[in-house]
Amino acid sequence: MIQSWTDDTWEEFEYWTEQDKKKLRQIKKLL
């Protein structure tokens, strides 16, 4: 499967990696 990210999406992902580890785990589950 090919996953592509927009610049905005990637910036949001990076924000969550730094700010909220619990939210990051939830996001990764969805991916």
N, C-alpha and C. Protein backbone atom coordinates (compact mmCIF):
# COMPACT_ATOMS: atom_id res chain seq x y z
N MET A 1 0.84 -1.17 0.00
CA MET A 1 0.00 0.00 0.00
C MET A 1 0.89 1.24 0.00
N ILE A 2 0.55 2.18 -0.81
CA ILE A 2 1.28 3.44 -0.87
C ILE A 2 0.54 4.48 -0.04
N GLN A 3 1.26 5.08 0.86
CA GLN A 3 0.68 6.15 1.67
C GLN A 3 1.30 7.46 1.24
N SER A 4 0.47 8.43 1.03
CA SER A 4 1.01 9.75 0.69
C SER A 4 0.49 10.76 1.70
N TRP A 5 1.29 11.76 1.95
CA TRP A 5 0.98 12.77 2.93
C TRP A 5 1.02 14.15 2.27
N THR A 6 0.08 14.98 2.65
CA THR A 6 0.20 16.38 2.26
C THR A 6 1.15 17.04 3.25
N ASP A 7 1.65 18.19 2.90
CA ASP A 7 2.55 18.90 3.81
C ASP A 7 1.85 19.23 5.12
N ASP A 8 0.59 19.64 5.05
CA ASP A 8 -0.15 19.97 6.27
C ASP A 8 -0.34 18.75 7.16
N THR A 9 -0.64 17.64 6.54
CA THR A 9 -0.84 16.41 7.31
C THR A 9 0.43 16.00 8.02
N TRP A 10 1.53 16.09 7.32
CA TRP A 10 2.82 15.72 7.92
C TRP A 10 3.15 16.64 9.09
N GLU A 11 2.89 17.94 8.94
CA GLU A 11 3.15 18.88 10.03
C GLU A 11 2.29 18.56 11.25
N GLU A 12 1.04 18.18 11.02
CA GLU A 12 0.17 17.80 12.14
C GLU A 12 0.70 16.54 12.82
N PHE A 13 1.13 15.58 12.02
CA PHE A 13 1.68 14.35 12.58
C PHE A 13 2.90 14.65 13.44
N GLU A 14 3.78 15.49 12.94
CA GLU A 14 4.97 15.86 13.72
C GLU A 14 4.58 16.58 15.01
N TYR A 15 3.57 17.40 14.94
CA TYR A 15 3.10 18.08 16.15
C TYR A 15 2.69 17.05 17.20
N TRP A 16 1.91 16.06 16.80
CA TRP A 16 1.44 15.06 17.76
C TRP A 16 2.58 14.21 18.29
N THR A 17 3.60 13.98 17.49
CA THR A 17 4.73 13.19 17.98
C THR A 17 5.46 13.91 19.11
N GLU A 18 5.40 15.22 19.10
CA GLU A 18 6.09 16.01 20.12
C GLU A 18 5.20 16.38 21.30
N GLN A 19 3.90 16.49 21.09
CA GLN A 19 3.02 17.06 22.10
C GLN A 19 2.23 16.04 22.92
N ASP A 20 1.76 15.01 22.29
CA ASP A 20 0.80 14.14 22.97
C ASP A 20 1.02 12.68 22.54
N LYS A 21 1.75 11.94 23.35
CA LYS A 21 2.09 10.56 23.00
C LYS A 21 0.85 9.66 22.96
N LYS A 22 -0.11 9.92 23.81
CA LYS A 22 -1.33 9.11 23.82
C LYS A 22 -2.10 9.31 22.51
N LYS A 23 -2.23 10.54 22.08
CA LYS A 23 -2.91 10.83 20.82
C LYS A 23 -2.13 10.22 19.66
N LEU A 24 -0.83 10.27 19.73
CA LEU A 24 0.01 9.69 18.68
C LEU A 24 -0.26 8.19 18.54
N ARG A 25 -0.37 7.48 19.64
CA ARG A 25 -0.67 6.04 19.58
C ARG A 25 -2.01 5.80 18.90
N GLN A 26 -2.99 6.65 19.19
CA GLN A 26 -4.30 6.49 18.56
C GLN A 26 -4.22 6.73 17.05
N ILE A 27 -3.45 7.72 16.66
CA ILE A 27 -3.29 8.01 15.23
C ILE A 27 -2.61 6.84 14.54
N LYS A 28 -1.58 6.29 15.15
CA LYS A 28 -0.86 5.17 14.54
C LYS A 28 -1.75 3.94 14.39
N LYS A 29 -2.65 3.73 15.32
CA LYS A 29 -3.58 2.61 15.20
C LYS A 29 -4.46 2.76 13.97
N LEU A 30 -4.84 3.99 13.67
CA LEU A 30 -5.69 4.23 12.51
C LEU A 30 -4.94 4.01 11.20
N LEU A 31 -3.64 4.21 11.25
CA LEU A 31 -2.84 4.05 10.03
C LEU A 31 -2.56 2.59 9.80
